[in-house]
Amino acid sequence: AKAVSDVVKSKGFIAGAGVIVDIRTGEVRALVSFPSYDPNVMSSGGP
């Protein structure tokens, strides 16, 4: 997530995404969508 965020900000992009998959099992080890939202804020309804 930090790597994708750094690339988006340094290149002036508005968004970025990436997926890391274990090619042996097909399991998703990491999935990033930038920008994202804080689920703690959304669950509590604020600020």
All heavy atoms as atom14 arrays in JSON, in Angstrom:
{
  "sequence": "AKAVSDVVKSKGFIAGAGVIVDIRTGEVRALVSFPSYDPNVMSSGGP",
  "atom14_mask": [
    [1, 1, 1, 1, 1, 0, 0, 0, 0, 0, 0, 0, 0, 0],
    [1, 1, 1, 1, 1, 1, 1, 1, 1, 0, 0, 0, 0, 0],
    [1, 1, 1, 1, 1, 0, 0, 0, 0, 0, 0, 0, 0, 0],
    [1, 1, 1, 1, 1, 1, 1, 0, 0, 0, 0, 0, 0, 0],
    [1, 1, 1, 1, 1, 1, 0, 0, 0, 0, 0, 0, 0, 0],
    [1, 1, 1, 1, 1, 1, 1, 1, 0, 0, 0, 0, 0, 0],
    [1, 1, 1, 1, 1, 1, 1, 0, 0, 0, 0, 0, 0, 0],
    [1, 1, 1, 1, 1, 1, 1, 0, 0, 0, 0, 0, 0, 0],
    [1, 1, 1, 1, 1, 1, 1, 1, 1, 0, 0, 0, 0, 0],
    [1, 1, 1, 1, 1, 1, 0, 0, 0, 0, 0, 0, 0, 0],
    [1, 1, 1, 1, 1, 1, 1, 1, 1, 0, 0, 0, 0, 0],
    [1, 1, 1, 1, 0, 0, 0, 0, 0, 0, 0, 0, 0, 0],
    [1, 1, 1, 1, 1, 1, 1, 1, 1, 1, 1, 0, 0, 0],
    [1, 1, 1, 1, 1, 1, 1, 1, 0, 0, 0, 0, 0, 0],
    [1, 1, 1, 1, 1, 0, 0, 0, 0, 0, 0, 0, 0, 0],
    [1, 1, 1, 1, 0, 0, 0, 0, 0, 0, 0, 0, 0, 0],
    [1, 1, 1, 1, 1, 0, 0, 0, 0, 0, 0, 0, 0, 0],
    [1, 1, 1, 1, 0, 0, 0, 0, 0, 0, 0, 0, 0, 0],
    [1, 1, 1, 1, 1, 1, 1, 0, 0, 0, 0, 0, 0, 0],
    [1, 1, 1, 1, 1, 1, 1, 1, 0, 0, 0, 0, 0, 0],
    [1, 1, 1, 1, 1, 1, 1, 0, 0, 0, 0, 0, 0, 0],
    [1, 1, 1, 1, 1, 1, 1, 1, 0, 0, 0, 0, 0, 0],
    [1, 1, 1, 1, 1, 1, 1, 1, 0, 0, 0, 0, 0, 0],
    [1, 1, 1, 1, 1, 1, 1, 1, 1, 1, 1, 0, 0, 0],
    [1, 1, 1, 1, 1, 1, 1, 0, 0, 0, 0, 0, 0, 0],
    [1, 1, 1, 1, 0, 0, 0, 0, 0, 0, 0, 0, 0, 0],
    [1, 1, 1, 1, 1, 1, 1, 1, 1, 0, 0, 0, 0, 0],
    [1, 1, 1, 1, 1, 1, 1, 0, 0, 0, 0, 0, 0, 0],
    [1, 1, 1, 1, 1, 1, 1, 1, 1, 1, 1, 0, 0, 0],
    [1, 1, 1, 1, 1, 0, 0, 0, 0, 0, 0, 0, 0, 0],
    [1, 1, 1, 1, 1, 1, 1, 1, 0, 0, 0, 0, 0, 0],
    [1, 1, 1, 1, 1, 1, 1, 0, 0, 0, 0, 0, 0, 0],
    [1, 1, 1, 1, 1, 1, 0, 0, 0, 0, 0, 0, 0, 0],
    [1, 1, 1, 1, 1, 1, 1, 1, 1, 1, 1, 0, 0, 0],
    [1, 1, 1, 1, 1, 1, 1, 0, 0, 0, 0, 0, 0, 0],
    [1, 1, 1, 1, 1, 1, 0, 0, 0, 0, 0, 0, 0, 0],
    [1, 1, 1, 1, 1, 1, 1, 1, 1, 1, 1, 1, 0, 0],
    [1, 1, 1, 1, 1, 1, 1, 1, 0, 0, 0, 0, 0, 0],
    [1, 1, 1, 1, 1, 1, 1, 0, 0, 0, 0, 0, 0, 0],
    [1, 1, 1, 1, 1, 1, 1, 1, 0, 0, 0, 0, 0, 0],
    [1, 1, 1, 1, 1, 1, 1, 0, 0, 0, 0, 0, 0, 0],
    [1, 1, 1, 1, 1, 1, 1, 1, 0, 0, 0, 0, 0, 0],
    [1, 1, 1, 1, 1, 1, 0, 0, 0, 0, 0, 0, 0, 0],
    [1, 1, 1, 1, 1, 1, 0, 0, 0, 0, 0, 0, 0, 0],
    [1, 1, 1, 1, 0, 0, 0, 0, 0, 0, 0, 0, 0, 0],
    [1, 1, 1, 1, 0, 0, 0, 0, 0, 0, 0, 0, 0, 0],
    [1, 1, 1, 1, 1, 1, 1, 0, 0, 0, 0, 0, 0, 0]
  ],
  "atom14_positions": [
    [[0.83, -1.2, 0.0], [0.0, 0.0, 0.0], [0.86, 1.26, 0.0], [0.56, 2.24, -0.69], [-0.93, -0.01, 1.21], [0.0, 0.0, 0.0], [0.0, 0.0, 0.0], [0.0, 0.0, 0.0], [0.0, 0.0, 0.0], [0.0, 0.0, 0.0], [0.0, 0.0, 0.0], [0.0, 0.0, 0.0], [0.0, 0.0, 0.0], [0.0, 0.0, 0.0]],
    [[1.96, 1.23, 0.77], [2.86, 2.4, 0.79], [3.54, 2.58, -0.56], [3.71, 3.71, -1.04], [3.9, 2.22, 1.89], [4.81, 3.43, 2.08], [5.8, 3.22, 3.2], [6.63, 4.48, 3.42], [7.32, 4.96, 2.22], [0.0, 0.0, 0.0], [0.0, 0.0, 0.0], [0.0, 0.0, 0.0], [0.0, 0.0, 0.0], [0.0, 0.0, 0.0]],
    [[3.94, 1.47, -1.19], [4.62, 1.56, -2.48], [3.69, 2.16, -3.54], [4.09, 3.04, -4.31], [5.12, 0.18, -2.91], [0.0, 0.0, 0.0], [0.0, 0.0, 0.0], [0.0, 0.0, 0.0], [0.0, 0.0, 0.0], [0.0, 0.0, 0.0], [0.0, 0.0, 0.0], [0.0, 0.0, 0.0], [0.0, 0.0, 0.0], [0.0, 0.0, 0.0]],
    [[2.45, 1.67, -3.59], [1.49, 2.2, -4.57], [1.2, 3.68, -4.29], [1.14, 4.5, -5.21], [0.19, 1.37, -4.54], [-0.88, 2.02, -5.43], [0.45, -0.05, -5.0], [0.0, 0.0, 0.0], [0.0, 0.0, 0.0], [0.0, 0.0, 0.0], [0.0, 0.0, 0.0], [0.0, 0.0, 0.0], [0.0, 0.0, 0.0], [0.0, 0.0, 0.0]],
    [[1.04, 4.02, -3.02], [0.76, 5.41, -2.65], [1.91, 6.32, -3.06], [1.69, 7.42, -3.6], [0.52, 5.5, -1.14], [0.41, 6.84, -0.74], [0.0, 0.0, 0.0], [0.0, 0.0, 0.0], [0.0, 0.0, 0.0], [0.0, 0.0, 0.0], [0.0, 0.0, 0.0], [0.0, 0.0, 0.0], [0.0, 0.0, 0.0], [0.0, 0.0, 0.0]],
    [[3.15, 5.87, -2.84], [4.31, 6.69, -3.2], [4.39, 6.92, -4.7], [4.71, 8.03, -5.16], [5.59, 6.02, -2.7], [5.7, 6.03, -1.18], [4.96, 6.81, -0.54], [6.51, 5.24, -0.64], [0.0, 0.0, 0.0], [0.0, 0.0, 0.0], [0.0, 0.0, 0.0], [0.0, 0.0, 0.0], [0.0, 0.0, 0.0], [0.0, 0.0, 0.0]],
    [[4.1, 5.88, -5.48], [4.16, 6.02, -6.94], [3.08, 6.98, -7.43], [3.33, 7.86, -8.27], [4.0, 4.64, -7.62], [3.83, 4.8, -9.13], [5.2, 3.77, -7.31], [0.0, 0.0, 0.0], [0.0, 0.0, 0.0], [0.0, 0.0, 0.0], [0.0, 0.0, 0.0], [0.0, 0.0, 0.0], [0.0, 0.0, 0.0], [0.0, 0.0, 0.0]],
    [[1.87, 6.83, -6.91], [0.76, 7.69, -7.34], [1.07, 9.16, -7.03], [0.87, 10.05, -7.88], [-0.55, 7.27, -6.65], [-1.65, 8.29, -6.89], [-1.0, 5.9, -7.15], [0.0, 0.0, 0.0], [0.0, 0.0, 0.0], [0.0, 0.0, 0.0], [0.0, 0.0, 0.0], [0.0, 0.0, 0.0], [0.0, 0.0, 0.0], [0.0, 0.0, 0.0]],
    [[1.58, 9.42, -5.84], [1.85, 10.8, -5.45], [3.05, 11.38, -6.2], [3.03, 12.56, -6.59], [2.09, 10.87, -3.93], [0.86, 10.53, -3.11], [1.18, 10.52, -1.62], [-0.05, 10.17, -0.79], [0.25, 10.1, 0.67], [0.0, 0.0, 0.0], [0.0, 0.0, 0.0], [0.0, 0.0, 0.0], [0.0, 0.0, 0.0], [0.0, 0.0, 0.0]],
    [[4.09, 10.57, -6.41], [5.29, 11.08, -7.08], [5.06, 11.32, -8.57], [5.67, 12.21, -9.16], [6.45, 10.1, -6.89], [6.17, 8.84, -7.49], [0.0, 0.0, 0.0], [0.0, 0.0, 0.0], [0.0, 0.0, 0.0], [0.0, 0.0, 0.0], [0.0, 0.0, 0.0], [0.0, 0.0, 0.0], [0.0, 0.0, 0.0], [0.0, 0.0, 0.0]],
    [[4.2, 10.54, -9.21], [3.94, 10.67, -10.65], [2.77, 11.59, -10.95], [2.49, 11.86, -12.13], [3.67, 9.29, -11.25], [4.82, 8.31, -11.1], [6.09, 8.79, -11.78], [7.21, 7.78, -11.63], [8.46, 8.24, -12.31], [0.0, 0.0, 0.0], [0.0, 0.0, 0.0], [0.0, 0.0, 0.0], [0.0, 0.0, 0.0], [0.0, 0.0, 0.0]],
    [[2.06, 12.05, -9.92], [0.93, 12.93, -10.16], [-0.32, 12.24, -10.65], [-1.2, 12.88, -11.23], [0.0, 0.0, 0.0], [0.0, 0.0, 0.0], [0.0, 0.0, 0.0], [0.0, 0.0, 0.0], [0.0, 0.0, 0.0], [0.0, 0.0, 0.0], [0.0, 0.0, 0.0], [0.0, 0.0, 0.0], [0.0, 0.0, 0.0], [0.0, 0.0, 0.0]],
    [[-0.42, 10.93, -10.41], [-1.63, 10.2, -10.81], [-2.76, 10.5, -9.83], [-2.54, 10.98, -8.71], [-1.37, 8.69, -10.85], [-0.3, 8.28, -11.82], [0.53, 7.19, -11.56], [-0.1, 8.98, -13.0], [1.51, 6.81, -12.45], [0.88, 8.6, -13.91], [1.7, 7.52, -13.63], [0.0, 0.0, 0.0], [0.0, 0.0, 0.0], [0.0, 0.0, 0.0]],
    [[-3.98, 10.22, -10.24], [-5.12, 10.43, -9.34], [-5.49, 9.15, -8.58], [-6.17, 9.22, -7.56], [-6.36, 10.94, -10.11], [-6.82, 9.9, -11.13], [-6.06, 12.27, -10.77], [-8.13, 10.26, -11.82], [0.0, 0.0, 0.0], [0.0, 0.0, 0.0], [0.0, 0.0, 0.0], [0.0, 0.0, 0.0], [0.0, 0.0, 0.0], [0.0, 0.0, 0.0]],
    [[-5.03, 8.01, -9.07], [-5.36, 6.74, -8.42], [-4.37, 5.68, -8.86], [-3.61, 5.87, -9.82], [-6.78, 6.29, -8.72], [0.0, 0.0, 0.0], [0.0, 0.0, 0.0], [0.0, 0.0, 0.0], [0.0, 0.0, 0.0], [0.0, 0.0, 0.0], [0.0, 0.0, 0.0], [0.0, 0.0, 0.0], [0.0, 0.0, 0.0], [0.0, 0.0, 0.0]],
    [[-4.39, 4.57, -8.14], [-3.51, 3.46, -8.48], [-4.01, 2.18, -7.83], [-4.77, 2.22, -6.86], [0.0, 0.0, 0.0], [0.0, 0.0, 0.0], [0.0, 0.0, 0.0], [0.0, 0.0, 0.0], [0.0, 0.0, 0.0], [0.0, 0.0, 0.0], [0.0, 0.0, 0.0], [0.0, 0.0, 0.0], [0.0, 0.0, 0.0], [0.0, 0.0, 0.0]],
    [[-3.59, 1.04, -8.36], [-4.02, -0.24, -7.82], [-2.99, -1.29, -8.13], [-2.15, -1.13, -9.03], [-5.38, -0.64, -8.39], [0.0, 0.0, 0.0], [0.0, 0.0, 0.0], [0.0, 0.0, 0.0], [0.0, 0.0, 0.0], [0.0, 0.0, 0.0], [0.0, 0.0, 0.0], [0.0, 0.0, 0.0], [0.0, 0.0, 0.0], [0.0, 0.0, 0.0]],
    [[-3.04, -2.37, -7.38], [-2.13, -3.48, -7.62], [-2.57, -4.71, -6.85], [-3.25, -4.6, -5.82], [0.0, 0.0, 0.0], [0.0, 0.0, 0.0], [0.0, 0.0, 0.0], [0.0, 0.0, 0.0], [0.0, 0.0, 0.0], [0.0, 0.0, 0.0], [0.0, 0.0, 0.0], [0.0, 0.0, 0.0], [0.0, 0.0, 0.0], [0.0, 0.0, 0.0]],
    [[-2.2, -5.88, -7.36], [-2.54, -7.15, -6.74], [-1.31, -8.04, -6.75], [-0.61, -8.13, -7.75], [-3.7, -7.86, -7.47], [-4.06, -9.16, -6.77], [-4.91, -6.95, -7.57], [0.0, 0.0, 0.0], [0.0, 0.0, 0.0], [0.0, 0.0, 0.0], [0.0, 0.0, 0.0], [0.0, 0.0, 0.0], [0.0, 0.0, 0.0], [0.0, 0.0, 0.0]],
    [[-1.04, -8.7, -5.62], [0.04, -9.69, -5.54], [-0.62, -11.04, -5.31], [-1.35, -11.24, -4.33], [1.01, -9.36, -4.39], [1.7, -8.01, -4.65], [2.05, -10.47, -4.25], [2.67, -7.61, -3.55], [0.0, 0.0, 0.0], [0.0, 0.0, 0.0], [0.0, 0.0, 0.0], [0.0, 0.0, 0.0], [0.0, 0.0, 0.0], [0.0, 0.0, 0.0]],
    [[-0.35, -11.98, -6.22], [-0.97, -13.3, -6.2], [0.09, -14.37, -6.08], [1.16, -14.28, -6.69], [-1.81, -13.52, -7.48], [-2.46, -14.9, -7.45], [-2.87, -12.45, -7.63], [0.0, 0.0, 0.0], [0.0, 0.0, 0.0], [0.0, 0.0, 0.0], [0.0, 0.0, 0.0], [0.0, 0.0, 0.0], [0.0, 0.0, 0.0], [0.0, 0.0, 0.0]],
    [[-0.18, -15.38, -5.27], [0.7, -16.54, -5.17], [0.42, -17.42, -6.39], [-0.66, -18.01, -6.51], [0.4, -17.3, -3.88], [1.39, -18.43, -3.62], [2.04, -18.9, -4.58], [1.53, -18.85, -2.45], [0.0, 0.0, 0.0], [0.0, 0.0, 0.0], [0.0, 0.0, 0.0], [0.0, 0.0, 0.0], [0.0, 0.0, 0.0], [0.0, 0.0, 0.0]],
    [[1.39, -17.5, -7.3], [1.17, -18.23, -8.56], [1.03, -19.73, -8.35], [0.53, -20.44, -9.22], [2.32, -17.95, -9.56], [3.66, -18.42, -8.97], [2.38, -16.48, -9.91], [4.82, -18.35, -9.96], [0.0, 0.0, 0.0], [0.0, 0.0, 0.0], [0.0, 0.0, 0.0], [0.0, 0.0, 0.0], [0.0, 0.0, 0.0], [0.0, 0.0, 0.0]],
    [[1.44, -20.22, -7.18], [1.33, -21.66, -6.92], [-0.07, -22.07, -6.49], [-0.52, -23.18, -6.78], [2.35, -22.07, -5.85], [3.8, -21.86, -6.26], [4.71, -21.97, -5.06], [4.42, -20.93, -4.07], [5.07, -20.78, -2.93], [6.06, -21.61, -2.63], [4.76, -19.82, -2.08], [0.0, 0.0, 0.0], [0.0, 0.0, 0.0], [0.0, 0.0, 0.0]],
    [[-0.75, -21.16, -5.78], [-2.07, -21.5, -5.25], [-3.18, -20.59, -5.76], [-4.36, -20.92, -5.62], [-2.06, -21.42, -3.71], [-1.77, -20.07, -3.32], [-1.01, -22.35, -3.13], [0.0, 0.0, 0.0], [0.0, 0.0, 0.0], [0.0, 0.0, 0.0], [0.0, 0.0, 0.0], [0.0, 0.0, 0.0], [0.0, 0.0, 0.0], [0.0, 0.0, 0.0]],
    [[-2.81, -19.46, -6.34], [-3.81, -18.5, -6.79], [-4.34, -17.62, -5.68], [-5.26, -16.82, -5.9], [0.0, 0.0, 0.0], [0.0, 0.0, 0.0], [0.0, 0.0, 0.0], [0.0, 0.0, 0.0], [0.0, 0.0, 0.0], [0.0, 0.0, 0.0], [0.0, 0.0, 0.0], [0.0, 0.0, 0.0], [0.0, 0.0, 0.0], [0.0, 0.0, 0.0]],
    [[-3.79, -17.74, -4.46], [-4.25, -16.92, -3.34], [-3.78, -15.47, -3.49], [-2.64, -15.22, -3.91], [-3.71, -17.48, -2.02], [-4.27, -18.85, -1.65], [-3.65, -19.37, -0.37], [-2.48, -19.02, -0.08], [-4.33, -20.13, 0.35], [0.0, 0.0, 0.0], [0.0, 0.0, 0.0], [0.0, 0.0, 0.0], [0.0, 0.0, 0.0], [0.0, 0.0, 0.0]],
    [[-4.65, -14.56, -3.14], [-4.31, -13.14, -3.17], [-3.61, -12.81, -1.86], [-4.2, -12.91, -0.78], [-5.57, -12.27, -3.34], [-5.21, -10.79, -3.27], [-6.26, -12.59, -4.65], [0.0, 0.0, 0.0], [0.0, 0.0, 0.0], [0.0, 0.0, 0.0], [0.0, 0.0, 0.0], [0.0, 0.0, 0.0], [0.0, 0.0, 0.0], [0.0, 0.0, 0.0]],
    [[-2.35, -12.41, -1.94], [-1.57, -12.09, -0.75], [-1.67, -10.6, -0.39], [-1.52, -10.23, 0.77], [-0.1, -12.46, -0.97], [0.12, -13.95, -1.16], [-0.25, -14.73, 0.09], [-0.02, -16.15, -0.05], [1.13, -16.74, 0.21], [2.16, -16.02, 0.61], [1.25, -18.04, 0.07], [0.0, 0.0, 0.0], [0.0, 0.0, 0.0], [0.0, 0.0, 0.0]],
    [[-1.89, -9.74, -1.38], [-2.03, -8.3, -1.12], [-2.85, -7.69, -2.25], [-2.72, -8.09, -3.41], [-0.67, -7.63, -1.02], [0.0, 0.0, 0.0], [0.0, 0.0, 0.0], [0.0, 0.0, 0.0], [0.0, 0.0, 0.0], [0.0, 0.0, 0.0], [0.0, 0.0, 0.0], [0.0, 0.0, 0.0], [0.0, 0.0, 0.0], [0.0, 0.0, 0.0]],
    [[-3.71, -6.77, -1.88], [-4.55, -6.08, -2.86], [-4.7, -4.63, -2.41], [-5.13, -4.37, -1.29], [-5.92, -6.75, -2.98], [-6.85, -6.25, -4.08], [-7.75, -7.38, -4.57], [-7.73, -5.1, -3.58], [0.0, 0.0, 0.0], [0.0, 0.0, 0.0], [0.0, 0.0, 0.0], [0.0, 0.0, 0.0], [0.0, 0.0, 0.0], [0.0, 0.0, 0.0]],
    [[-4.29, -3.72, -3.29], [-4.28, -2.29, -2.93], [-5.09, -1.49, -3.94], [-4.97, -1.7, -5.15], [-2.83, -1.75, -2.87], [-2.83, -0.24, -2.65], [-2.05, -2.44, -1.76], [0.0, 0.0, 0.0], [0.0, 0.0, 0.0], [0.0, 0.0, 0.0], [0.0, 0.0, 0.0], [0.0, 0.0, 0.0], [0.0, 0.0, 0.0], [0.0, 0.0, 0.0]],
    [[-5.91, -0.62, -3.42], [-6.63, 0.36, -4.23], [-6.42, 1.72, -3.58], [-6.81, 1.94, -2.43], [-8.13, 0.04, -4.3], [-8.82, 1.04, -5.01], [0.0, 0.0, 0.0], [0.0, 0.0, 0.0], [0.0, 0.0, 0.0], [0.0, 0.0, 0.0], [0.0, 0.0, 0.0], [0.0, 0.0, 0.0], [0.0, 0.0, 0.0], [0.0, 0.0, 0.0]],
    [[-5.77, 2.62, -4.31], [-5.46, 3.95, -3.77], [-6.12, 5.03, -4.63], [-6.06, 4.95, -5.85], [-3.95, 4.17, -3.74], [-3.55, 5.5, -3.17], [-3.42, 5.67, -1.8], [-3.34, 6.59, -4.0], [-3.06, 6.9, -1.27], [-3.0, 7.82, -3.49], [-2.85, 7.97, -2.11], [0.0, 0.0, 0.0], [0.0, 0.0, 0.0], [0.0, 0.0, 0.0]],
    [[-6.79, 5.99, -4.01], [-6.98, 6.18, -2.56], [-8.07, 5.27, -2.01], [-8.94, 4.82, -2.74], [-7.39, 7.65, -2.47], [-8.1, 7.9, -3.76], [-7.38, 7.09, -4.8], [0.0, 0.0, 0.0], [0.0, 0.0, 0.0], [0.0, 0.0, 0.0], [0.0, 0.0, 0.0], [0.0, 0.0, 0.0], [0.0, 0.0, 0.0], [0.0, 0.0, 0.0]],
    [[-8.01, 5.03, -0.71], [-8.99, 4.2, -0.04], [-9.69, 5.04, 1.03], [-9.48, 6.24, 1.12], [-8.33, 2.97, 0.58], [-9.29, 2.1, 1.13], [0.0, 0.0, 0.0], [0.0, 0.0, 0.0], [0.0, 0.0, 0.0], [0.0, 0.0, 0.0], [0.0, 0.0, 0.0], [0.0, 0.0, 0.0], [0.0, 0.0, 0.0], [0.0, 0.0, 0.0]],
    [[-10.51, 4.39, 1.86], [-11.2, 5.07, 2.94], [-10.94, 4.35, 4.25], [-10.57, 3.17, 4.27], [-12.71, 5.14, 2.67], [-13.37, 3.79, 2.5], [-13.78, 3.04, 3.61], [-13.57, 3.26, 1.23], [-14.37, 1.79, 3.45], [-14.17, 2.01, 1.07], [-14.57, 1.29, 2.18], [-15.15, 0.06, 2.03], [0.0, 0.0, 0.0], [0.0, 0.0, 0.0]],
    [[-11.11, 5.06, 5.34], [-10.93, 4.49, 6.67], [-12.23, 3.84, 7.12], [-13.23, 4.53, 7.33], [-10.51, 5.58, 7.66], [-10.13, 5.03, 9.04], [-10.45, 3.87, 9.31], [-9.52, 5.77, 9.83], [0.0, 0.0, 0.0], [0.0, 0.0, 0.0], [0.0, 0.0, 0.0], [0.0, 0.0, 0.0], [0.0, 0.0, 0.0], [0.0, 0.0, 0.0]],
    [[-12.27, 2.52, 7.28], [-13.52, 1.86, 7.67], [-13.99, 2.25, 9.07], [-15.18, 2.15, 9.38], [-13.18, 0.37, 7.59], [-11.69, 0.31, 7.71], [-11.18, 1.56, 7.08], [0.0, 0.0, 0.0], [0.0, 0.0, 0.0], [0.0, 0.0, 0.0], [0.0, 0.0, 0.0], [0.0, 0.0, 0.0], [0.0, 0.0, 0.0], [0.0, 0.0, 0.0]],
    [[-13.07, 2.7, 9.93], [-13.47, 3.16, 11.26], [-14.34, 4.41, 11.15], [-15.32, 4.57, 11.9], [-12.24, 3.46, 12.11], [-11.39, 2.23, 12.38], [-11.83, 1.29, 13.02], [-10.18, 2.23, 11.85], [0.0, 0.0, 0.0], [0.0, 0.0, 0.0], [0.0, 0.0, 0.0], [0.0, 0.0, 0.0], [0.0, 0.0, 0.0], [0.0, 0.0, 0.0]],
    [[-14.0, 5.29, 10.21], [-14.79, 6.51, 10.0], [-16.16, 6.17, 9.42], [-17.18, 6.69, 9.87], [-14.03, 7.47, 9.07], [-14.92, 8.66, 8.69], [-12.75, 7.95, 9.72], [0.0, 0.0, 0.0], [0.0, 0.0, 0.0], [0.0, 0.0, 0.0], [0.0, 0.0, 0.0], [0.0, 0.0, 0.0], [0.0, 0.0, 0.0], [0.0, 0.0, 0.0]],
    [[-16.19, 5.25, 8.47], [-17.45, 4.91, 7.82], [-18.4, 4.19, 8.78], [-19.61, 4.43, 8.77], [-17.19, 4.05, 6.6], [-16.36, 4.73, 5.52], [-17.08, 6.3, 4.98], [-18.68, 5.77, 4.41], [0.0, 0.0, 0.0], [0.0, 0.0, 0.0], [0.0, 0.0, 0.0], [0.0, 0.0, 0.0], [0.0, 0.0, 0.0], [0.0, 0.0, 0.0]],
    [[-17.86, 3.32, 9.64], [-18.72, 2.59, 10.57], [-19.32, 3.51, 11.62], [-20.49, 3.38, 11.99], [-17.94, 1.47, 11.26], [-17.59, 0.46, 10.33], [0.0, 0.0, 0.0], [0.0, 0.0, 0.0], [0.0, 0.0, 0.0], [0.0, 0.0, 0.0], [0.0, 0.0, 0.0], [0.0, 0.0, 0.0], [0.0, 0.0, 0.0], [0.0, 0.0, 0.0]],
    [[-18.51, 4.46, 12.1], [-19.0, 5.38, 13.14], [-19.82, 6.52, 12.57], [-20.5, 7.22, 13.32], [-17.81, 5.94, 13.93], [-16.93, 6.66, 13.08], [0.0, 0.0, 0.0], [0.0, 0.0, 0.0], [0.0, 0.0, 0.0], [0.0, 0.0, 0.0], [0.0, 0.0, 0.0], [0.0, 0.0, 0.0], [0.0, 0.0, 0.0], [0.0, 0.0, 0.0]],
    [[-19.77, 6.72, 11.25], [-20.55, 7.8, 10.62], [-19.95, 9.17, 10.78], [-20.65, 10.18, 10.61], [0.0, 0.0, 0.0], [0.0, 0.0, 0.0], [0.0, 0.0, 0.0], [0.0, 0.0, 0.0], [0.0, 0.0, 0.0], [0.0, 0.0, 0.0], [0.0, 0.0, 0.0], [0.0, 0.0, 0.0], [0.0, 0.0, 0.0], [0.0, 0.0, 0.0]],
    [[-18.71, 9.27, 11.05], [-18.09, 10.58, 11.21], [-16.6, 10.46, 11.47], [-16.06, 9.36, 11.63], [0.0, 0.0, 0.0], [0.0, 0.0, 0.0], [0.0, 0.0, 0.0], [0.0, 0.0, 0.0], [0.0, 0.0, 0.0], [0.0, 0.0, 0.0], [0.0, 0.0, 0.0], [0.0, 0.0, 0.0], [0.0, 0.0, 0.0], [0.0, 0.0, 0.0]],
    [[-15.92, 11.6, 11.43], [-16.43, 12.96, 11.24], [-17.01, 13.18, 9.85], [-16.51, 12.63, 8.86], [-15.19, 13.83, 11.47], [-14.2, 12.95, 12.18], [-14.46, 11.58, 11.72], [0.0, 0.0, 0.0], [0.0, 0.0, 0.0], [0.0, 0.0, 0.0], [0.0, 0.0, 0.0], [0.0, 0.0, 0.0], [0.0, 0.0, 0.0], [0.0, 0.0, 0.0]]
  ]
}
